[in-house]
Amino acid sequence: MDINKGPAKPGMYLLWGAAALVALVVAWMLGEAMIDRIAPTAEPETLSAPVE
């Protein structure tokens, strides 16, 4: 085990932050898609004969 490693480069934190943000956005979009799929459809309007 190497204990003489220096601190992580600032770019790595930026990369991990961007990856986490992208993961959150993808999870949000998938959640919205699943809610839309599970949600019941609106009831269609009843059709009636035209009034003359």
PDB file of N, CA and C in Angstrom:
ATOM      1  N   MET A   1       0.856  -1.171   0.000  1.00  0.00           N
ATOM      2  CA  MET A   1       0.000   0.000   0.000  1.00  0.00           C
ATOM      3  C   MET A   1       0.909   1.243   0.000  1.00  0.00           C
ATOM      4  N   ASP A   2       0.604   2.148  -0.929  1.00  0.00           N
ATOM      5  CA  ASP A   2       1.414   3.358  -1.056  1.00  0.00           C
ATOM      6  C   ASP A   2       0.751   4.486  -0.266  1.00  0.00           C
ATOM      7  N   ILE A   3       1.354   4.904   0.833  1.00  0.00           N
ATOM      8  CA  ILE A   3       0.783   5.980   1.651  1.00  0.00           C
ATOM      9  C   ILE A   3       1.385   7.325   1.299  1.00  0.00           C
ATOM     10  N   ASN A   4       2.281   7.339   0.330  1.00  0.00           N
ATOM     11  CA  ASN A   4       2.950   8.577  -0.053  1.00  0.00           C
ATOM     12  C   ASN A   4       2.296   9.236  -1.266  1.00  0.00           C
ATOM     13  N   LYS A   5       1.080   8.868  -1.578  1.00  0.00           N
ATOM     14  CA  LYS A   5       0.385   9.480  -2.701  1.00  0.00           C
ATOM     15  C   LYS A   5      -0.018  10.900  -2.339  1.00  0.00           C
ATOM     16  N   GLY A   6       0.004  11.765  -3.326  1.00  0.00           N
ATOM     17  CA  GLY A   6      -0.414  13.140  -3.099  1.00  0.00           C
ATOM     18  C   GLY A   6      -1.936  13.246  -3.156  1.00  0.00           C
ATOM     19  N   PRO A   7      -2.456  14.425  -2.879  1.00  0.00           N
ATOM     20  CA  PRO A   7      -3.907  14.609  -2.951  1.00  0.00           C
ATOM     21  C   PRO A   7      -4.396  14.481  -4.395  1.00  0.00           C
ATOM     22  N   ALA A   8      -5.651  14.168  -4.531  1.00  0.00           N
ATOM     23  CA  ALA A   8      -6.235  14.022  -5.864  1.00  0.00           C
ATOM     24  C   ALA A   8      -6.227  15.372  -6.575  1.00  0.00           C
ATOM     25  N   LYS A   9      -6.113  15.317  -7.865  1.00  0.00           N
ATOM     26  CA  LYS A   9      -6.105  16.553  -8.658  1.00  0.00           C
ATOM     27  C   LYS A   9      -7.502  17.170  -8.640  1.00  0.00           C
ATOM     28  N   PRO A  10      -7.615  18.497  -8.690  1.00  0.00           N
ATOM     29  CA  PRO A  10      -8.924  19.153  -8.668  1.00  0.00           C
ATOM     30  C   PRO A  10      -9.810  18.731  -9.840  1.00  0.00           C
ATOM     31  N   GLY A  11      -9.200  18.369 -10.951  1.00  0.00           N
ATOM     32  CA  GLY A  11      -9.983  17.921 -12.101  1.00  0.00           C
ATOM     33  C   GLY A  11     -10.763  16.653 -11.816  1.00  0.00           C
ATOM     34  N   MET A  12     -10.231  15.818 -10.942  1.00  0.00           N
ATOM     35  CA  MET A  12     -10.933  14.576 -10.595  1.00  0.00           C
ATOM     36  C   MET A  12     -12.222  14.892  -9.836  1.00  0.00           C
ATOM     37  N   TYR A  13     -12.169  15.874  -8.941  1.00  0.00           N
ATOM     38  CA  TYR A  13     -13.381  16.249  -8.213  1.00  0.00           C
ATOM     39  C   TYR A  13     -14.425  16.821  -9.165  1.00  0.00           C
ATOM     40  N   LEU A  14     -13.974  17.606 -10.136  1.00  0.00           N
ATOM     41  CA  LEU A  14     -14.879  18.161 -11.138  1.00  0.00           C
ATOM     42  C   LEU A  14     -15.491  17.044 -11.978  1.00  0.00           C
ATOM     43  N   LEU A  15     -14.673  16.074 -12.348  1.00  0.00           N
ATOM     44  CA  LEU A  15     -15.163  14.941 -13.130  1.00  0.00           C
ATOM     45  C   LEU A  15     -16.195  14.135 -12.345  1.00  0.00           C
ATOM     46  N   TRP A  16     -15.908  13.842 -11.084  1.00  0.00           N
ATOM     47  CA  TRP A  16     -16.849  13.086 -10.255  1.00  0.00           C
ATOM     48  C   TRP A  16     -18.139  13.875 -10.023  1.00  0.00           C
ATOM     49  N   GLY A  17     -18.022  15.180  -9.849  1.00  0.00           N
ATOM     50  CA  GLY A  17     -19.216  16.014  -9.669  1.00  0.00           C
ATOM     51  C   GLY A  17     -20.076  16.021 -10.917  1.00  0.00           C
ATOM     52  N   ALA A  18     -19.450  16.130 -12.092  1.00  0.00           N
ATOM     53  CA  ALA A  18     -20.195  16.111 -13.351  1.00  0.00           C
ATOM     54  C   ALA A  18     -20.854  14.753 -13.562  1.00  0.00           C
ATOM     55  N   ALA A  19     -20.147  13.680 -13.246  1.00  0.00           N
ATOM     56  CA  ALA A  19     -20.713  12.335 -13.396  1.00  0.00           C
ATOM     57  C   ALA A  19     -21.907  12.142 -12.458  1.00  0.00           C
ATOM     58  N   ALA A  20     -21.805  12.653 -11.243  1.00  0.00           N
ATOM     59  CA  ALA A  20     -22.914  12.550 -10.299  1.00  0.00           C
ATOM     60  C   ALA A  20     -24.119  13.351 -10.785  1.00  0.00           C
ATOM     61  N   LEU A  21     -23.863  14.529 -11.344  1.00  0.00           N
ATOM     62  CA  LEU A  21     -24.950  15.354 -11.865  1.00  0.00           C
ATOM     63  C   LEU A  21     -25.634  14.666 -13.038  1.00  0.00           C
ATOM     64  N   VAL A  22     -24.865  14.100 -13.935  1.00  0.00           N
ATOM     65  CA  VAL A  22     -25.445  13.375 -15.078  1.00  0.00           C
ATOM     66  C   VAL A  22     -26.252  12.180 -14.584  1.00  0.00           C
ATOM     67  N   ALA A  23     -25.746  11.474 -13.590  1.00  0.00           N
ATOM     68  CA  ALA A  23     -26.472  10.322 -13.044  1.00  0.00           C
ATOM     69  C   ALA A  23     -27.803  10.760 -12.422  1.00  0.00           C
ATOM     70  N   LEU A  24     -27.811  11.888 -11.728  1.00  0.00           N
ATOM     71  CA  LEU A  24     -29.052  12.388 -11.139  1.00  0.00           C
ATOM     72  C   LEU A  24     -30.065  12.776 -12.214  1.00  0.00           C
ATOM     73  N   VAL A  25     -29.593  13.416 -13.278  1.00  0.00           N
ATOM     74  CA  VAL A  25     -30.490  13.809 -14.365  1.00  0.00           C
ATOM     75  C   VAL A  25     -31.074  12.580 -15.043  1.00  0.00           C
ATOM     76  N   VAL A  26     -30.251  11.580 -15.292  1.00  0.00           N
ATOM     77  CA  VAL A  26     -30.742  10.346 -15.925  1.00  0.00           C
ATOM     78  C   VAL A  26     -31.748   9.656 -15.018  1.00  0.00           C
ATOM     79  N   ALA A  27     -31.468   9.595 -13.724  1.00  0.00           N
ATOM     80  CA  ALA A  27     -32.408   8.967 -12.788  1.00  0.00           C
ATOM     81  C   ALA A  27     -33.721   9.743 -12.755  1.00  0.00           C
ATOM     82  N   TRP A  28     -33.651  11.068 -12.789  1.00  0.00           N
ATOM     83  CA  TRP A  28     -34.860  11.898 -12.804  1.00  0.00           C
ATOM     84  C   TRP A  28     -35.686  11.607 -14.055  1.00  0.00           C
ATOM     85  N   MET A  29     -35.031  11.546 -15.218  1.00  0.00           N
ATOM     86  CA  MET A  29     -35.731  11.302 -16.473  1.00  0.00           C
ATOM     87  C   MET A  29     -36.355   9.910 -16.494  1.00  0.00           C
ATOM     88  N   LEU A  30     -35.644   8.927 -15.984  1.00  0.00           N
ATOM     89  CA  LEU A  30     -36.193   7.573 -15.944  1.00  0.00           C
ATOM     90  C   LEU A  30     -37.378   7.508 -14.982  1.00  0.00           C
ATOM     91  N   GLY A  31     -37.281   8.225 -13.884  1.00  0.00           N
ATOM     92  CA  GLY A  31     -38.391   8.261 -12.932  1.00  0.00           C
ATOM     93  C   GLY A  31     -39.628   8.879 -13.555  1.00  0.00           C
ATOM     94  N   GLU A  32     -39.457   9.978 -14.287  1.00  0.00           N
ATOM     95  CA  GLU A  32     -40.590  10.619 -14.961  1.00  0.00           C
ATOM     96  C   GLU A  32     -41.198   9.672 -15.989  1.00  0.00           C
ATOM     97  N   ALA A  33     -40.352   8.966 -16.733  1.00  0.00           N
ATOM     98  CA  ALA A  33     -40.845   8.028 -17.744  1.00  0.00           C
ATOM     99  C   ALA A  33     -41.632   6.898 -17.092  1.00  0.00           C
ATOM    100  N   MET A  34     -41.144   6.401 -15.962  1.00  0.00           N
ATOM    101  CA  MET A  34     -41.847   5.304 -15.288  1.00  0.00           C
ATOM    102  C   MET A  34     -43.169   5.786 -14.703  1.00  0.00           C
ATOM    103  N   ILE A  35     -43.197   7.003 -14.177  1.00  0.00           N
ATOM    104  CA  ILE A  35     -44.444   7.544 -13.639  1.00  0.00           C
ATOM    105  C   ILE A  35     -45.469   7.703 -14.757  1.00  0.00           C
ATOM    106  N   ASP A  36     -45.015   8.203 -15.915  1.00  0.00           N
ATOM    107  CA  ASP A  36     -45.926   8.361 -17.050  1.00  0.00           C
ATOM    108  C   ASP A  36     -46.446   7.010 -17.520  1.00  0.00           C
ATOM    109  N   ARG A  37     -45.617   5.986 -17.456  1.00  0.00           N
ATOM    110  CA  ARG A  37     -46.039   4.660 -17.908  1.00  0.00           C
ATOM    111  C   ARG A  37     -47.027   4.030 -16.928  1.00  0.00           C
ATOM    112  N   ILE A  38     -46.803   4.241 -15.641  1.00  0.00           N
ATOM    113  CA  ILE A  38     -47.644   3.612 -14.616  1.00  0.00           C
ATOM    114  C   ILE A  38     -48.965   4.362 -14.436  1.00  0.00           C
ATOM    115  N   ALA A  39     -48.941   5.663 -14.613  1.00  0.00           N
ATOM    116  CA  ALA A  39     -50.119   6.493 -14.358  1.00  0.00           C
ATOM    117  C   ALA A  39     -51.292   6.048 -15.242  1.00  0.00           C
ATOM    118  N   PRO A  40     -52.489   6.025 -14.689  1.00  0.00           N
ATOM    119  CA  PRO A  40     -53.649   5.649 -15.501  1.00  0.00           C
ATOM    120  C   PRO A  40     -53.927   6.702 -16.568  1.00  0.00           C
ATOM    121  N   THR A  41     -54.419   6.241 -17.685  1.00  0.00           N
ATOM    122  CA  THR A  41     -54.725   7.177 -18.762  1.00  0.00           C
ATOM    123  C   THR A  41     -56.015   7.923 -18.436  1.00  0.00           C
ATOM    124  N   ALA A  42     -56.131   9.093 -18.981  1.00  0.00           N
ATOM    125  CA  ALA A  42     -57.339   9.878 -18.764  1.00  0.00           C
ATOM    126  C   ALA A  42     -58.513   9.191 -19.469  1.00  0.00           C
ATOM    127  N   GLU A  43     -59.672   9.267 -18.854  1.00  0.00           N
ATOM    128  CA  GLU A  43     -60.833   8.623 -19.461  1.00  0.00           C
ATOM    129  C   GLU A  43     -61.239   9.374 -20.723  1.00  0.00           C
ATOM    130  N   PRO A  44     -61.522   8.638 -21.787  1.00  0.00           N
ATOM    131  CA  PRO A  44     -61.909   9.317 -23.029  1.00  0.00           C
ATOM    132  C   PRO A  44     -63.292   9.953 -22.889  1.00  0.00           C
ATOM    133  N   GLU A  45     -63.506  10.989 -23.672  1.00  0.00           N
ATOM    134  CA  GLU A  45     -64.819  11.656 -23.638  1.00  0.00           C
ATOM    135  C   GLU A  45     -65.862  10.719 -24.245  1.00  0.00           C
ATOM    136  N   THR A  46     -67.052  10.769 -23.678  1.00  0.00           N
ATOM    137  CA  THR A  46     -68.119   9.941 -24.225  1.00  0.00           C
ATOM    138  C   THR A  46     -68.638  10.582 -25.492  1.00  0.00           C
ATOM    139  N   LEU A  47     -68.840   9.758 -26.499  1.00  0.00           N
ATOM    140  CA  LEU A  47     -69.329  10.253 -27.768  1.00  0.00           C
ATOM    141  C   LEU A  47     -70.853  10.229 -27.768  1.00  0.00           C
ATOM    142  N   SER A  48     -71.423  11.232 -28.324  1.00  0.00           N
ATOM    143  CA  SER A  48     -72.886  11.263 -28.418  1.00  0.00           C
ATOM    144  C   SER A  48     -73.264  11.657 -29.840  1.00  0.00           C
ATOM    145  N   ALA A  49     -74.463  11.293 -30.210  1.00  0.00           N
ATOM    146  CA  ALA A  49     -74.957  11.608 -31.554  1.00  0.00           C
ATOM    147  C   ALA A  49     -75.148  13.114 -31.688  1.00  0.00           C
ATOM    148  N   PRO A  50     -74.892  13.636 -32.864  1.00  0.00           N
ATOM    149  CA  PRO A  50     -75.093  15.078 -33.047  1.00  0.00           C
ATOM    150  C   PRO A  50     -76.556  15.469 -32.905  1.00  0.00           C
ATOM    151  N   VAL A  51     -76.794  16.627 -32.347  1.00  0.00           N
ATOM    152  CA  VAL A  51     -78.164  17.112 -32.162  1.00  0.00           C
ATOM    153  C   VAL A  51     -78.574  17.861 -33.418  1.00  0.00           C
ATOM    154  N   GLU A  52     -79.741  17.481 -33.924  1.00  0.00           N
ATOM    155  CA  GLU A  52     -80.227  18.171 -35.142  1.00  0.00           C
ATOM    156  C   GLU A  52     -81.293  19.170 -34.820  1.00  0.00           C
TER     157      GLU A  52
END
